[in-house]
Amino acid sequence: MTPIELRQTYQALFNTDDGVLILEDLRTRFHGDQPTFSSDALEMAYFEGQRSVVLIIQNMMKDLDHNIVEMMNDV
């Protein structure tokens, strides 16, 4: 699967009514809308690990610039 196909798969999944609800739940549960802070470095690393998954999904939902898509197809 190419990176573009993978992005399209994320979009197909999370652009459904259920996908929108699930992504919103993930954002809420795993600090998707705000950075985490803890005085305990291990706890903060744990929270940031959770948050990074939500940020990856959100990034995959964004449409790519047409020029970027062409460059990825040329690779």
PDB file of N, CA and C in Angstrom:
ATOM      1  N   MET A   1       0.844  -1.168   0.000  1.00  0.00           N
ATOM      2  CA  MET A   1       0.000   0.000   0.000  1.00  0.00           C
ATOM      3  C   MET A   1       0.896   1.239   0.000  1.00  0.00           C
ATOM      4  N   THR A   2       0.602   2.159  -0.869  1.00  0.00           N
ATOM      5  CA  THR A   2       1.382   3.397  -0.947  1.00  0.00           C
ATOM      6  C   THR A   2       0.961   4.340   0.178  1.00  0.00           C
ATOM      7  N   PRO A   3       1.799   5.332   0.495  1.00  0.00           N
ATOM      8  CA  PRO A   3       1.412   6.305   1.520  1.00  0.00           C
ATOM      9  C   PRO A   3       0.107   7.038   1.182  1.00  0.00           C
ATOM     10  N   ILE A   4      -0.111   7.316  -0.083  1.00  0.00           N
ATOM     11  CA  ILE A   4      -1.349   7.997  -0.485  1.00  0.00           C
ATOM     12  C   ILE A   4      -2.549   7.080  -0.277  1.00  0.00           C
ATOM     13  N   GLU A   5      -2.416   5.813  -0.634  1.00  0.00           N
ATOM     14  CA  GLU A   5      -3.506   4.861  -0.420  1.00  0.00           C
ATOM     15  C   GLU A   5      -3.800   4.696   1.072  1.00  0.00           C
ATOM     16  N   LEU A   6      -2.758   4.677   1.890  1.00  0.00           N
ATOM     17  CA  LEU A   6      -2.952   4.559   3.329  1.00  0.00           C
ATOM     18  C   LEU A   6      -3.702   5.774   3.862  1.00  0.00           C
ATOM     19  N   ARG A   7      -3.309   6.966   3.418  1.00  0.00           N
ATOM     20  CA  ARG A   7      -4.014   8.192   3.826  1.00  0.00           C
ATOM     21  C   ARG A   7      -5.476   8.129   3.399  1.00  0.00           C
ATOM     22  N   GLN A   8      -5.749   7.670   2.201  1.00  0.00           N
ATOM     23  CA  GLN A   8      -7.130   7.549   1.718  1.00  0.00           C
ATOM     24  C   GLN A   8      -7.926   6.555   2.558  1.00  0.00           C
ATOM     25  N   THR A   9      -7.273   5.501   3.021  1.00  0.00           N
ATOM     26  CA  THR A   9      -7.931   4.515   3.871  1.00  0.00           C
ATOM     27  C   THR A   9      -8.292   5.132   5.221  1.00  0.00           C
ATOM     28  N   TYR A  10      -7.351   5.881   5.818  1.00  0.00           N
ATOM     29  CA  TYR A  10      -7.666   6.596   7.053  1.00  0.00           C
ATOM     30  C   TYR A  10      -8.870   7.512   6.843  1.00  0.00           C
ATOM     31  N   GLN A  11      -8.863   8.252   5.739  1.00  0.00           N
ATOM     32  CA  GLN A  11      -9.940   9.197   5.477  1.00  0.00           C
ATOM     33  C   GLN A  11     -11.267   8.482   5.268  1.00  0.00           C
ATOM     34  N   ALA A  12     -11.248   7.361   4.571  1.00  0.00           N
ATOM     35  CA  ALA A  12     -12.484   6.617   4.355  1.00  0.00           C
ATOM     36  C   ALA A  12     -13.047   6.117   5.688  1.00  0.00           C
ATOM     37  N   LEU A  13     -12.181   5.675   6.572  1.00  0.00           N
ATOM     38  CA  LEU A  13     -12.620   5.157   7.862  1.00  0.00           C
ATOM     39  C   LEU A  13     -13.121   6.258   8.783  1.00  0.00           C
ATOM     40  N   PHE A  14     -12.330   7.316   8.948  1.00  0.00           N
ATOM     41  CA  PHE A  14     -12.658   8.332   9.939  1.00  0.00           C
ATOM     42  C   PHE A  14     -13.597   9.421   9.419  1.00  0.00           C
ATOM     43  N   ASN A  15     -13.949   9.406   8.149  1.00  0.00           N
ATOM     44  CA  ASN A  15     -14.943  10.347   7.629  1.00  0.00           C
ATOM     45  C   ASN A  15     -16.359   9.794   7.690  1.00  0.00           C
ATOM     46  N   THR A  16     -16.534   8.595   8.227  1.00  0.00           N
ATOM     47  CA  THR A  16     -17.879   8.060   8.437  1.00  0.00           C
ATOM     48  C   THR A  16     -18.442   8.675   9.719  1.00  0.00           C
ATOM     49  N   ASP A  17     -19.753   8.551   9.912  1.00  0.00           N
ATOM     50  CA  ASP A  17     -20.359   9.065  11.145  1.00  0.00           C
ATOM     51  C   ASP A  17     -19.723   8.412  12.376  1.00  0.00           C
ATOM     52  N   ASP A  18     -19.565   7.095  12.324  1.00  0.00           N
ATOM     53  CA  ASP A  18     -18.940   6.394  13.447  1.00  0.00           C
ATOM     54  C   ASP A  18     -17.491   6.811  13.627  1.00  0.00           C
ATOM     55  N   GLY A  19     -16.768   6.975  12.531  1.00  0.00           N
ATOM     56  CA  GLY A  19     -15.366   7.375  12.601  1.00  0.00           C
ATOM     57  C   GLY A  19     -15.190   8.736  13.243  1.00  0.00           C
ATOM     58  N   VAL A  20     -16.086   9.663  12.928  1.00  0.00           N
ATOM     59  CA  VAL A  20     -16.031  11.003  13.526  1.00  0.00           C
ATOM     60  C   VAL A  20     -16.221  10.901  15.043  1.00  0.00           C
ATOM     61  N   LEU A  21     -17.186  10.081  15.470  1.00  0.00           N
ATOM     62  CA  LEU A  21     -17.426   9.899  16.903  1.00  0.00           C
ATOM     63  C   LEU A  21     -16.225   9.259  17.598  1.00  0.00           C
ATOM     64  N   ILE A  22     -15.647   8.248  16.968  1.00  0.00           N
ATOM     65  CA  ILE A  22     -14.495   7.565  17.557  1.00  0.00           C
ATOM     66  C   ILE A  22     -13.296   8.505  17.659  1.00  0.00           C
ATOM     67  N   LEU A  23     -13.033   9.264  16.609  1.00  0.00           N
ATOM     68  CA  LEU A  23     -11.896  10.184  16.639  1.00  0.00           C
ATOM     69  C   LEU A  23     -12.092  11.248  17.717  1.00  0.00           C
ATOM     70  N   GLU A  24     -13.307  11.737  17.873  1.00  0.00           N
ATOM     71  CA  GLU A  24     -13.571  12.720  18.921  1.00  0.00           C
ATOM     72  C   GLU A  24     -13.358  12.095  20.302  1.00  0.00           C
ATOM     73  N   ASP A  25     -13.771  10.862  20.473  1.00  0.00           N
ATOM     74  CA  ASP A  25     -13.542  10.164  21.741  1.00  0.00           C
ATOM     75  C   ASP A  25     -12.043   9.997  21.998  1.00  0.00           C
ATOM     76  N   LEU A  26     -11.285   9.619  20.971  1.00  0.00           N
ATOM     77  CA  LEU A  26      -9.837   9.472  21.123  1.00  0.00           C
ATOM     78  C   LEU A  26      -9.182  10.804  21.491  1.00  0.00           C
ATOM     79  N   ARG A  27      -9.640  11.890  20.859  1.00  0.00           N
ATOM     80  CA  ARG A  27      -9.102  13.219  21.180  1.00  0.00           C
ATOM     81  C   ARG A  27      -9.331  13.550  22.656  1.00  0.00           C
ATOM     82  N   THR A  28     -10.542  13.249  23.129  1.00  0.00           N
ATOM     83  CA  THR A  28     -10.889  13.558  24.510  1.00  0.00           C
ATOM     84  C   THR A  28     -10.110  12.693  25.498  1.00  0.00           C
ATOM     85  N   ARG A  29     -10.059  11.409  25.239  1.00  0.00           N
ATOM     86  CA  ARG A  29      -9.405  10.479  26.167  1.00  0.00           C
ATOM     87  C   ARG A  29      -7.886  10.636  26.201  1.00  0.00           C
ATOM     88  N   PHE A  30      -7.302  10.961  25.060  1.00  0.00           N
ATOM     89  CA  PHE A  30      -5.847  10.893  24.948  1.00  0.00           C
ATOM     90  C   PHE A  30      -5.204  12.237  24.629  1.00  0.00           C
ATOM     91  N   HIS A  31      -5.815  13.298  25.135  1.00  0.00           N
ATOM     92  CA  HIS A  31      -5.193  14.631  25.128  1.00  0.00           C
ATOM     93  C   HIS A  31      -4.870  15.130  23.721  1.00  0.00           C
ATOM     94  N   GLY A  32      -5.747  14.865  22.771  1.00  0.00           N
ATOM     95  CA  GLY A  32      -5.481  15.233  21.391  1.00  0.00           C
ATOM     96  C   GLY A  32      -5.503  16.719  21.122  1.00  0.00           C
ATOM     97  N   ASP A  33      -6.167  17.477  21.996  1.00  0.00           N
ATOM     98  CA  ASP A  33      -6.320  18.907  21.742  1.00  0.00           C
ATOM     99  C   ASP A  33      -5.415  19.789  22.597  1.00  0.00           C
ATOM    100  N   GLN A  34      -4.626  19.166  23.454  1.00  0.00           N
ATOM    101  CA  GLN A  34      -3.727  19.961  24.283  1.00  0.00           C
ATOM    102  C   GLN A  34      -2.497  19.149  24.647  1.00  0.00           C
ATOM    103  N   PRO A  35      -1.376  19.841  24.824  1.00  0.00           N
ATOM    104  CA  PRO A  35      -0.178  19.125  25.265  1.00  0.00           C
ATOM    105  C   PRO A  35      -0.368  18.634  26.696  1.00  0.00           C
ATOM    106  N   THR A  36       0.378  17.642  27.056  1.00  0.00           N
ATOM    107  CA  THR A  36       0.295  17.119  28.413  1.00  0.00           C
ATOM    108  C   THR A  36       1.495  17.605  29.210  1.00  0.00           C
ATOM    109  N   PHE A  37       1.298  17.722  30.503  1.00  0.00           N
ATOM    110  CA  PHE A  37       2.416  18.043  31.374  1.00  0.00           C
ATOM    111  C   PHE A  37       2.238  17.293  32.675  1.00  0.00           C
ATOM    112  N   SER A  38       3.320  16.783  33.163  1.00  0.00           N
ATOM    113  CA  SER A  38       3.347  16.155  34.470  1.00  0.00           C
ATOM    114  C   SER A  38       4.743  16.359  35.039  1.00  0.00           C
ATOM    115  N   SER A  39       4.823  16.500  36.336  1.00  0.00           N
ATOM    116  CA  SER A  39       6.136  16.608  36.962  1.00  0.00           C
ATOM    117  C   SER A  39       6.861  15.264  36.951  1.00  0.00           C
ATOM    118  N   ASP A  40       6.098  14.192  36.682  1.00  0.00           N
ATOM    119  CA  ASP A  40       6.671  12.849  36.555  1.00  0.00           C
ATOM    120  C   ASP A  40       6.998  12.615  35.076  1.00  0.00           C
ATOM    121  N   ALA A  41       8.273  12.530  34.757  1.00  0.00           N
ATOM    122  CA  ALA A  41       8.703  12.403  33.358  1.00  0.00           C
ATOM    123  C   ALA A  41       8.135  11.151  32.691  1.00  0.00           C
ATOM    124  N   LEU A  42       8.059  10.045  33.411  1.00  0.00           N
ATOM    125  CA  LEU A  42       7.521   8.813  32.826  1.00  0.00           C
ATOM    126  C   LEU A  42       6.034   8.944  32.524  1.00  0.00           C
ATOM    127  N   GLU A  43       5.307   9.582  33.416  1.00  0.00           N
ATOM    128  CA  GLU A  43       3.873   9.792  33.186  1.00  0.00           C
ATOM    129  C   GLU A  43       3.663  10.709  31.984  1.00  0.00           C
ATOM    130  N   MET A  44       4.458  11.757  31.890  1.00  0.00           N
ATOM    131  CA  MET A  44       4.326  12.678  30.769  1.00  0.00           C
ATOM    132  C   MET A  44       4.663  11.980  29.455  1.00  0.00           C
ATOM    133  N   ALA A  45       5.689  11.155  29.452  1.00  0.00           N
ATOM    134  CA  ALA A  45       6.043  10.405  28.247  1.00  0.00           C
ATOM    135  C   ALA A  45       4.908   9.475  27.845  1.00  0.00           C
ATOM    136  N   TYR A  46       4.277   8.849  28.810  1.00  0.00           N
ATOM    137  CA  TYR A  46       3.147   7.958  28.551  1.00  0.00           C
ATOM    138  C   TYR A  46       1.998   8.730  27.900  1.00  0.00           C
ATOM    139  N   PHE A  47       1.637   9.870  28.499  1.00  0.00           N
ATOM    140  CA  PHE A  47       0.548  10.685  27.951  1.00  0.00           C
ATOM    141  C   PHE A  47       0.880  11.202  26.553  1.00  0.00           C
ATOM    142  N   GLU A  48       2.116  11.622  26.343  1.00  0.00           N
ATOM    143  CA  GLU A  48       2.511  12.127  25.026  1.00  0.00           C
ATOM    144  C   GLU A  48       2.513  11.011  23.982  1.00  0.00           C
ATOM    145  N   GLY A  49       2.826   9.798  24.410  1.00  0.00           N
ATOM    146  CA  GLY A  49       2.733   8.657  23.497  1.00  0.00           C
ATOM    147  C   GLY A  49       1.306   8.433  23.049  1.00  0.00           C
ATOM    148  N   GLN A  50       0.362   8.511  23.977  1.00  0.00           N
ATOM    149  CA  GLN A  50      -1.052   8.384  23.627  1.00  0.00           C
ATOM    150  C   GLN A  50      -1.462   9.507  22.680  1.00  0.00           C
ATOM    151  N   ARG A  51      -1.066  10.708  23.031  1.00  0.00           N
ATOM    152  CA  ARG A  51      -1.437  11.884  22.239  1.00  0.00           C
ATOM    153  C   ARG A  51      -0.888  11.802  20.818  1.00  0.00           C
ATOM    154  N   SER A  52       0.318  11.259  20.673  1.00  0.00           N
ATOM    155  CA  SER A  52       0.934  11.195  19.350  1.00  0.00           C
ATOM    156  C   SER A  52       0.116  10.327  18.387  1.00  0.00           C
ATOM    157  N   VAL A  53      -0.536   9.299  18.891  1.00  0.00           N
ATOM    158  CA  VAL A  53      -1.371   8.456  18.036  1.00  0.00           C
ATOM    159  C   VAL A  53      -2.548   9.273  17.487  1.00  0.00           C
ATOM    160  N   VAL A  54      -3.176  10.053  18.356  1.00  0.00           N
ATOM    161  CA  VAL A  54      -4.294  10.899  17.923  1.00  0.00           C
ATOM    162  C   VAL A  54      -3.807  11.917  16.895  1.00  0.00           C
ATOM    163  N   LEU A  55      -2.641  12.495  17.122  1.00  0.00           N
ATOM    164  CA  LEU A  55      -2.108  13.493  16.184  1.00  0.00           C
ATOM    165  C   LEU A  55      -1.789  12.863  14.826  1.00  0.00           C
ATOM    166  N   ILE A  56      -1.312  11.637  14.814  1.00  0.00           N
ATOM    167  CA  ILE A  56      -1.051  10.946  13.548  1.00  0.00           C
ATOM    168  C   ILE A  56      -2.352  10.761  12.782  1.00  0.00           C
ATOM    169  N   ILE A  57      -3.395  10.319  13.473  1.00  0.00           N
ATOM    170  CA  ILE A  57      -4.693  10.126  12.805  1.00  0.00           C
ATOM    171  C   ILE A  57      -5.198  11.453  12.261  1.00  0.00           C
ATOM    172  N   GLN A  58      -5.134  12.505  13.073  1.00  0.00           N
ATOM    173  CA  GLN A  58      -5.581  13.821  12.614  1.00  0.00           C
ATOM    174  C   GLN A  58      -4.788  14.281  11.405  1.00  0.00           C
ATOM    175  N   ASN A  59      -3.493  14.039  11.402  1.00  0.00           N
ATOM    176  CA  ASN A  59      -2.659  14.425  10.268  1.00  0.00           C
ATOM    177  C   ASN A  59      -3.051  13.647   9.009  1.00  0.00           C
ATOM    178  N   MET A  60      -3.360  12.383   9.164  1.00  0.00           N
ATOM    179  CA  MET A  60      -3.762  11.560   8.018  1.00  0.00           C
ATOM    180  C   MET A  60      -5.101  12.024   7.444  1.00  0.00           C
ATOM    181  N   MET A  61      -5.896  12.710   8.235  1.00  0.00           N
ATOM    182  CA  MET A  61      -7.200  13.192   7.783  1.00  0.00           C
ATOM    183  C   MET A  61      -7.087  14.449   6.921  1.00  0.00           C
ATOM    184  N   LYS A  62      -5.971  15.119   7.007  1.00  0.00           N
ATOM    185  CA  LYS A  62      -5.791  16.354   6.237  1.00  0.00           C
ATOM    186  C   LYS A  62      -5.560  16.019   4.767  1.00  0.00           C
ATOM    187  N   ASP A  63      -6.103  16.852   3.911  1.00  0.00           N
ATOM    188  CA  ASP A  63      -5.849  16.703   2.480  1.00  0.00           C
ATOM    189  C   ASP A  63      -4.452  17.212   2.172  1.00  0.00           C
ATOM    190  N   LEU A  64      -3.760  16.479   1.332  1.00  0.00           N
ATOM    191  CA  LEU A  64      -2.427  16.898   0.924  1.00  0.00           C
ATOM    192  C   LEU A  64      -2.499  17.911  -0.195  1.00  0.00           C
ATOM    193  N   ASP A  65      -1.531  18.786  -0.212  1.00  0.00           N
ATOM    194  CA  ASP A  65      -1.373  19.716  -1.318  1.00  0.00           C
ATOM    195  C   ASP A  65      -1.152  18.915  -2.601  1.00  0.00           C
ATOM    196  N   HIS A  66      -1.726  19.352  -3.685  1.00  0.00           N
ATOM    197  CA  HIS A  66      -1.638  18.647  -4.966  1.00  0.00           C
ATOM    198  C   HIS A  66      -0.185  18.393  -5.370  1.00  0.00           C
ATOM    199  N   ASN A  67       0.706  19.352  -5.142  1.00  0.00           N
ATOM    200  CA  ASN A  67       2.117  19.192  -5.510  1.00  0.00           C
ATOM    201  C   ASN A  67       2.783  18.076  -4.706  1.00  0.00           C
ATOM    202  N   ILE A  68       2.419  17.956  -3.449  1.00  0.00           N
ATOM    203  CA  ILE A  68       2.973  16.894  -2.612  1.00  0.00           C
ATOM    204  C   ILE A  68       2.518  15.537  -3.126  1.00  0.00           C
ATOM    205  N   VAL A  69       1.258  15.438  -3.504  1.00  0.00           N
ATOM    206  CA  VAL A  69       0.723  14.176  -4.033  1.00  0.00           C
ATOM    207  C   VAL A  69       1.480  13.773  -5.293  1.00  0.00           C
ATOM    208  N   GLU A  70       1.724  14.715  -6.174  1.00  0.00           N
ATOM    209  CA  GLU A  70       2.467  14.415  -7.412  1.00  0.00           C
ATOM    210  C   GLU A  70       3.885  13.945  -7.090  1.00  0.00           C
ATOM    211  N   MET A  71       4.551  14.583  -6.130  1.00  0.00           N
ATOM    212  CA  MET A  71       5.904  14.172  -5.769  1.00  0.00           C
ATOM    213  C   MET A  71       5.896  12.768  -5.172  1.00  0.00           C
ATOM    214  N   MET A  72       4.902  12.434  -4.362  1.00  0.00           N
ATOM    215  CA  MET A  72       4.819  11.109  -3.760  1.00  0.00           C
ATOM    216  C   MET A  72       4.543  10.050  -4.815  1.00  0.00           C
ATOM    217  N   ASN A  73       3.772  10.389  -5.821  1.00  0.00           N
ATOM    218  CA  ASN A  73       3.468   9.438  -6.890  1.00  0.00           C
ATOM    219  C   ASN A  73       4.686   9.177  -7.754  1.00  0.00           C
ATOM    220  N   ASP A  74       5.584  10.150  -7.850  1.00  0.00           N
ATOM    221  CA  ASP A  74       6.778  10.001  -8.676  1.00  0.00           C
ATOM    222  C   ASP A  74       7.836   9.099  -8.028  1.00  0.00           C
ATOM    223  N   VAL A  75       7.730   8.893  -6.738  1.00  0.00           N
ATOM    224  CA  VAL A  75       8.737   8.093  -6.019  1.00  0.00           C
ATOM    225  C   VAL A  75       8.577   6.640  -6.285  1.00  0.00           C
TER     226      VAL A  75
END
